[in-house]
Protein backbone atom coordinates (compact mmCIF):
# COMPACT_ATOMS: atom_id res chain seq x y z
CA UNK A 1 -16.29 6.46 -45.98
CA UNK A 2 -18.22 3.78 -44.07
CA UNK A 3 -17.51 3.12 -40.41
CA UNK A 4 -16.17 -0.31 -41.42
CA UNK A 5 -13.61 1.26 -43.79
CA UNK A 6 -12.69 3.85 -41.18
CA UNK A 7 -12.02 1.14 -38.59
CA UNK A 8 -9.95 -0.82 -41.12
CA UNK A 9 -7.79 2.24 -41.83
CA UNK A 10 -7.28 2.85 -38.12
CA UNK A 11 -6.28 -0.79 -37.65
CA UNK A 12 -3.80 -0.56 -40.54
CA UNK A 13 -2.26 2.56 -39.01
CA UNK A 14 -2.05 0.85 -35.62
CA UNK A 15 -0.25 -2.25 -36.91
CA UNK A 16 1.91 -0.36 -39.41
CA UNK A 17 3.20 1.74 -36.53
CA UNK A 18 4.67 -1.40 -34.94
CA UNK A 19 5.77 -3.04 -38.18
CA UNK A 20 2.98 -5.60 -38.24
CA UNK A 21 0.75 -6.81 -41.06
CA UNK A 22 -2.97 -6.25 -40.44
CA UNK A 23 -4.02 -9.19 -42.65
CA UNK A 24 -1.96 -11.58 -40.53
CA UNK A 25 -3.70 -10.41 -37.36
CA UNK A 26 -7.14 -10.58 -38.96
CA UNK A 27 -6.42 -14.14 -40.15
CA UNK A 28 -5.44 -15.01 -36.59
CA UNK A 29 -8.87 -13.89 -35.39
CA UNK A 30 -10.43 -16.71 -37.46
CA UNK A 31 -8.83 -19.19 -35.08
CA UNK A 32 -9.20 -17.26 -31.81
CA UNK A 33 -11.67 -18.41 -29.18
CA UNK A 34 -14.25 -15.92 -27.87
CA UNK A 35 -13.34 -14.46 -24.46
CA UNK A 36 -15.41 -15.40 -21.46
CA UNK A 37 -15.65 -14.05 -17.93
CA UNK A 38 -13.83 -16.88 -16.15
CA UNK A 39 -10.83 -16.81 -18.48
CA UNK A 40 -10.58 -13.02 -18.49
CA UNK A 41 -10.73 -12.74 -14.68
CA UNK A 42 -8.71 -15.96 -14.23
CA UNK A 43 -11.34 -17.13 -11.76
CA UNK A 44 -10.07 -20.70 -11.38
CA UNK A 45 -6.52 -19.56 -10.62
CA UNK A 46 -7.75 -16.91 -8.18
CA UNK A 47 -9.99 -19.33 -6.27
CA UNK A 48 -7.22 -21.88 -5.91
CA UNK A 49 -4.84 -19.55 -4.08
CA UNK A 50 -6.32 -20.20 -0.63
CA UNK A 51 -4.32 -22.88 1.17
CA UNK A 52 -4.98 -23.45 4.87
CA UNK A 53 -2.38 -24.60 7.39
CA UNK A 54 -5.01 -25.89 9.83
CA UNK A 55 -8.48 -27.44 9.78
CA UNK A 56 -10.06 -24.44 11.52
CA UNK A 57 -12.77 -22.91 9.23
CA UNK A 58 -12.11 -19.26 10.10
CA UNK A 59 -8.54 -19.51 8.87
CA UNK A 60 -10.05 -19.36 5.37
CA UNK A 61 -11.64 -15.99 6.23
CA UNK A 62 -8.25 -14.75 7.41
CA UNK A 63 -6.45 -15.86 4.24
CA UNK A 64 -9.01 -14.47 1.80
CA UNK A 65 -9.26 -11.19 3.70
CA UNK A 66 -5.52 -10.58 3.40
CA UNK A 67 -5.47 -11.58 -0.26
CA UNK A 68 -8.21 -9.02 -0.93
CA UNK A 69 -6.09 -6.44 0.90
CA UNK A 70 -3.14 -7.17 -1.37
CA UNK A 71 -5.33 -6.74 -4.46
CA UNK A 72 -6.48 -3.36 -3.15
CA UNK A 73 -2.87 -2.38 -2.43
CA UNK A 74 -2.08 -3.18 -6.08
CA UNK A 75 -4.97 -0.95 -7.20
CA UNK A 76 -3.59 1.86 -5.01
CA UNK A 77 -0.09 1.56 -6.46
CA UNK A 78 -1.59 1.52 -9.95
CA UNK A 79 -3.26 4.90 -9.37
CA UNK A 80 -0.21 6.49 -7.71
CA UNK A 81 2.04 5.33 -10.54
CA UNK A 82 -0.09 7.27 -13.03
CA UNK A 83 0.48 10.49 -11.07
CA UNK A 84 4.19 9.74 -10.69
CA UNK A 85 4.78 9.23 -14.42
CA UNK A 86 2.57 12.00 -15.79
CA UNK A 87 4.58 15.07 -16.75
CA UNK A 88 1.88 17.76 -16.75
CA UNK A 89 -0.31 17.04 -13.74
CA UNK A 90 -3.25 19.36 -13.18
CA UNK A 91 -5.36 19.70 -10.05
CA UNK A 92 -8.29 17.72 -11.45
CA UNK A 93 -6.16 14.72 -12.43
CA UNK A 94 -4.24 14.73 -9.13
CA UNK A 95 -7.43 15.07 -7.06
CA UNK A 96 -9.20 12.32 -8.99
CA UNK A 97 -6.38 9.84 -8.42
CA UNK A 98 -6.07 10.73 -4.73
CA UNK A 99 -9.78 10.30 -4.13
CA UNK A 100 -9.70 6.93 -5.90
CA UNK A 101 -6.89 5.83 -3.59
CA UNK A 102 -8.72 7.21 -0.54
CA UNK A 103 -11.82 5.22 -1.49
CA UNK A 104 -9.72 2.07 -1.69
CA UNK A 105 -8.43 2.82 1.81
CA UNK A 106 -11.98 3.56 2.99
CA UNK A 107 -12.85 0.06 1.78
CA UNK A 108 -9.83 -1.39 3.56
CA UNK A 109 -10.83 0.41 6.75
CA UNK A 110 -14.46 -0.71 6.78
CA UNK A 111 -13.45 -4.26 5.83
CA UNK A 112 -11.76 -4.78 9.19
CA UNK A 113 -15.26 -5.49 10.51
CA UNK A 114 -15.12 -8.69 8.48
CA UNK A 115 -12.40 -9.97 10.78
CA UNK A 116 -13.31 -8.23 14.01
CA UNK A 117 -16.96 -9.30 13.92
CA UNK A 118 -16.79 -12.25 11.56
CA UNK A 119 -13.97 -14.41 12.81
CA UNK A 120 -13.88 -16.45 16.01
CA UNK A 121 -11.36 -15.16 18.58
CA UNK A 122 -10.95 -18.72 19.84
CA UNK A 123 -10.22 -20.10 16.37
CA UNK A 124 -7.87 -17.24 15.54
CA UNK A 125 -5.78 -17.77 18.66
CA UNK A 126 -5.42 -21.41 17.70
CA UNK A 127 -4.45 -21.09 14.06
CA UNK A 128 -2.28 -17.98 14.58
CA UNK A 129 0.34 -20.12 16.32
CA UNK A 130 0.91 -21.91 13.00
CA UNK A 131 1.59 -18.57 11.29
CA UNK A 132 4.64 -17.68 13.39
CA UNK A 133 6.92 -15.98 12.38
CA UNK A 134 4.93 -14.61 9.40
CA UNK A 135 3.24 -11.24 9.87
CA UNK A 136 1.17 -8.68 7.98
CA UNK A 137 4.18 -6.46 8.66
CA UNK A 138 5.73 -8.25 5.69
CA UNK A 139 3.36 -6.78 3.10
CA UNK A 140 5.81 -5.38 0.56
CA UNK A 141 3.08 -3.56 -1.34
CA UNK A 142 2.09 -1.52 1.70
CA UNK A 143 5.72 -0.42 2.16
CA UNK A 144 5.75 0.61 -1.49
CA UNK A 145 2.59 2.68 -0.99
CA UNK A 146 4.42 4.58 1.74
CA UNK A 147 7.51 5.12 -0.44
CA UNK A 148 5.29 6.32 -3.29
CA UNK A 149 3.30 8.70 -1.11
CA UNK A 150 5.89 10.84 0.61
CA UNK A 151 9.54 11.77 0.96
CA UNK A 152 11.67 9.23 2.79
CA UNK A 153 12.33 11.59 5.70
CA UNK A 154 8.67 11.34 6.70
CA UNK A 155 9.01 7.57 7.05
CA UNK A 156 12.10 7.67 9.22
CA UNK A 157 11.77 6.53 12.83
CA UNK A 158 10.74 9.63 14.80
CA UNK A 159 13.80 9.24 17.06
CA UNK A 160 16.24 9.63 14.16
CA UNK A 161 14.63 12.15 11.79
CA UNK A 162 16.86 15.04 12.83
CA UNK A 163 19.99 13.03 11.94
CA UNK A 164 18.89 12.18 8.39
CA UNK A 165 18.34 14.42 5.35
CA UNK A 166 18.01 14.11 1.56
CA UNK A 167 21.80 13.69 1.23
CA UNK A 168 21.77 10.59 3.44
CA UNK A 169 22.37 7.34 1.55
CA UNK A 170 19.32 5.19 0.80
CA UNK A 171 20.96 2.33 2.67
CA UNK A 172 21.39 4.32 5.88
CA UNK A 173 17.92 5.87 5.63
CA UNK A 174 16.39 2.45 4.94
CA UNK A 175 17.93 1.08 8.13
CA UNK A 176 16.17 3.82 10.11
CA UNK A 177 12.68 3.59 8.65
CA UNK A 178 9.94 3.66 11.29
CA UNK A 179 8.88 0.06 10.70
CA UNK A 180 12.38 -1.18 11.43
CA UNK A 181 11.48 -0.50 15.07
CA UNK A 182 9.10 -3.47 14.89
CA UNK A 183 11.97 -5.87 14.35
CA UNK A 184 15.21 -4.28 15.44
CA UNK A 185 17.04 -3.48 18.66
CA UNK A 186 18.73 -0.17 17.89
CA UNK A 187 21.04 -0.51 20.92
CA UNK A 188 22.55 -3.77 19.69
CA UNK A 189 21.65 -3.56 16.01
CA UNK A 190 20.23 -7.07 16.17
CA UNK A 191 17.33 -7.75 13.80
CA UNK A 192 14.53 -10.22 14.40
CA UNK A 193 13.94 -13.15 12.08
CA UNK A 194 10.77 -11.33 10.93
CA UNK A 195 12.80 -8.37 9.66
CA UNK A 196 15.79 -10.38 8.43
CA UNK A 197 13.84 -12.58 6.00
CA UNK A 198 11.71 -9.61 4.90
CA UNK A 199 14.82 -7.68 3.92
CA UNK A 200 16.40 -10.70 2.25
CA UNK A 201 13.34 -10.96 0.03
CA UNK A 202 12.59 -7.29 -0.67
CA UNK A 203 15.41 -4.92 0.32
CA UNK A 204 17.02 -4.59 -3.14
CA UNK A 205 13.58 -4.15 -4.70
CA UNK A 206 12.68 -1.50 -2.10
CA UNK A 207 15.88 0.47 -2.64
CA UNK A 208 15.32 0.58 -6.40
CA UNK A 209 11.65 1.53 -5.93
CA UNK A 210 12.52 4.23 -3.36
CA UNK A 211 15.18 5.70 -5.64
CA UNK A 212 12.60 6.39 -8.37
CA UNK A 213 9.99 7.68 -5.93
CA UNK A 214 12.53 9.90 -4.20
CA UNK A 215 11.65 12.47 -6.87
CA UNK A 216 8.27 11.14 -8.03
CA UNK A 217 6.36 10.55 -4.80
CA UNK A 218 3.00 12.28 -4.30
CA UNK A 219 4.36 14.86 -1.88
CA UNK A 220 7.32 15.89 -4.07
CA UNK A 221 5.05 15.88 -7.12
CA UNK A 222 2.57 18.15 -5.33
CA UNK A 223 5.29 20.60 -4.22
CA UNK A 224 6.56 20.91 -7.80
CA UNK A 225 3.17 22.07 -9.10
CA UNK A 226 2.50 25.72 -10.02
CA UNK A 227 1.37 27.86 -7.09
CA UNK A 228 -2.22 28.19 -8.28
CA UNK A 229 -2.52 24.39 -8.59
CA UNK A 230 -1.08 23.81 -5.11
CA UNK A 231 -3.63 26.24 -3.73
CA UNK A 232 -6.56 24.47 -5.37
CA UNK A 233 -8.90 23.78 -2.45
CA UNK A 234 -10.23 20.51 -3.80
CA UNK A 235 -6.69 19.19 -4.31
CA UNK A 236 -5.52 20.25 -0.83
CA UNK A 237 -8.58 18.63 0.73
CA UNK A 238 -7.93 15.45 -1.26
CA UNK A 239 -4.32 15.41 -0.03
CA UNK A 240 -5.35 15.89 3.58
CA UNK A 241 -8.10 13.28 3.30
CA UNK A 242 -5.68 10.72 1.89
CA UNK A 243 -3.06 11.45 4.56
CA UNK A 244 -5.53 11.14 7.43
CA UNK A 245 -7.26 8.10 5.94
CA UNK A 246 -4.03 6.12 5.53
CA UNK A 247 -2.12 7.19 8.63
CA UNK A 248 -4.91 7.44 11.19
CA UNK A 249 -8.27 5.99 10.09
CA UNK A 250 -6.97 2.82 8.42
CA UNK A 251 -4.13 2.31 10.90
CA UNK A 252 -6.46 2.61 13.89
CA UNK A 253 -8.97 0.19 12.36
CA UNK A 254 -6.08 -2.26 12.01
CA UNK A 255 -4.86 -1.48 15.52
CA UNK A 256 -8.30 -1.96 17.11
CA UNK A 257 -8.80 -5.25 15.28
CA UNK A 258 -5.40 -6.51 16.44
CA UNK A 259 -6.24 -5.40 19.98
CA UNK A 260 -9.55 -7.31 19.79
CA UNK A 261 -7.69 -10.55 19.09
CA UNK A 262 -4.41 -10.03 20.94
CA UNK A 263 -5.60 -8.44 24.17
CA UNK A 264 -6.45 -11.54 26.15
CA UNK A 265 -7.62 -11.16 29.74
CA UNK A 266 -6.06 -7.71 29.95
CA UNK A 267 -2.69 -9.00 28.71
CA UNK A 268 -1.37 -7.96 25.29
CA UNK A 269 -0.18 -10.98 23.33
CA UNK A 270 2.92 -10.84 21.18
CA UNK A 271 2.39 -10.51 17.43
CA UNK A 272 3.16 -13.58 15.30
CA UNK A 273 6.27 -11.86 13.98
CA UNK A 274 7.42 -10.94 17.48
CA UNK A 275 7.08 -7.17 16.98
CA UNK A 276 6.08 -4.60 19.59
CA UNK A 277 2.95 -4.02 17.56
CA UNK A 278 1.35 -1.45 19.89
CA UNK A 279 4.12 1.15 19.52
CA UNK A 280 4.79 0.20 15.93
CA UNK A 281 1.18 0.63 14.82
CA UNK A 282 -0.32 3.48 16.85
CA UNK A 283 0.08 6.79 14.96
CA UNK A 284 0.79 8.88 18.07
CA UNK A 285 4.17 7.17 18.56
CA UNK A 286 5.72 7.47 15.11
CA UNK A 287 3.63 10.35 13.74
CA UNK A 288 3.59 9.03 10.21
CA UNK A 289 2.44 12.01 8.13
CA UNK A 290 2.78 12.05 4.35
CA UNK A 291 2.13 15.76 3.72
CA UNK A 292 3.27 17.63 6.87
CA UNK A 293 3.06 21.15 5.42
CA UNK A 294 -0.69 20.76 4.81
CA UNK A 295 -1.41 20.50 8.54
CA UNK A 296 -1.35 23.16 11.27
CA UNK A 297 1.14 23.02 14.14
CA UNK A 298 -1.64 21.95 16.51
CA UNK A 299 -2.80 19.22 14.14
CA UNK A 300 0.75 17.92 13.86
CA UNK A 301 1.29 18.01 17.62
CA UNK A 302 -1.97 16.15 18.31
CA UNK A 303 -1.55 13.60 15.51
CA UNK A 304 -3.16 10.34 16.61
CA UNK A 305 -3.68 11.40 20.22
CA UNK A 306 -7.49 11.50 20.14
CA UNK A 307 -8.11 8.14 18.50
């Protein structure tokens, strides 16, 4: 059988499996246009998504930088989803996906130099006033990465972790997530506008997402593996690398960049969303750790202190 006939048989099997006629699809190809790079990548649409609010040139750098971040966040979620939905995960597959995600975060970390060294402080502190009350805090994809990486208890505000367990309702746990501290007064229960509109837009979506990842997150998935897989050195190292990269290396690069622009004359400026960004961002305050059992007691105690 020639390769042409073999391909035709495979195509027939493919379309028969979904109740489709191969001849109809082949006839359709007679009228189809060849694909080109700009249509496949949707270049025109992508390059028309940058809309400035001011006339300051460096605002364009700021917009494009954050759009690139969101694309990388989507790539990260794409990789994690494959681990979450795969039934028989082996060490090699798990490690490969984790290292892919870590490389994306390595890119995110190093890219902060684009803003820190490539954007005028003077221009930023002019156009940032037009961004209020928007904030990078409101990146829904980053919150999903956290939900997909670890059990919800590890994302609870450090002050309330002992009062919450796996039997706590999603609603109650959600209201005590660590990032709520950036927009909520726990004494009065009052939420900032930043947090209020964020929840109005994403809360239902988050609760549904968190419900699935309650049993499919990377940490739970890892703990369900056979003992010999969990003890695979390459996998453990990949887990630790990912945890440290996300919760210390990347966070501190973000923190130091924010400090570069918001620490003016020794005074720390308020974030555009009004959050207490210093205590919200620095890892030593909240001790965000995705895989706590993979770290020693000393490592856990000193988390974020030396950066």
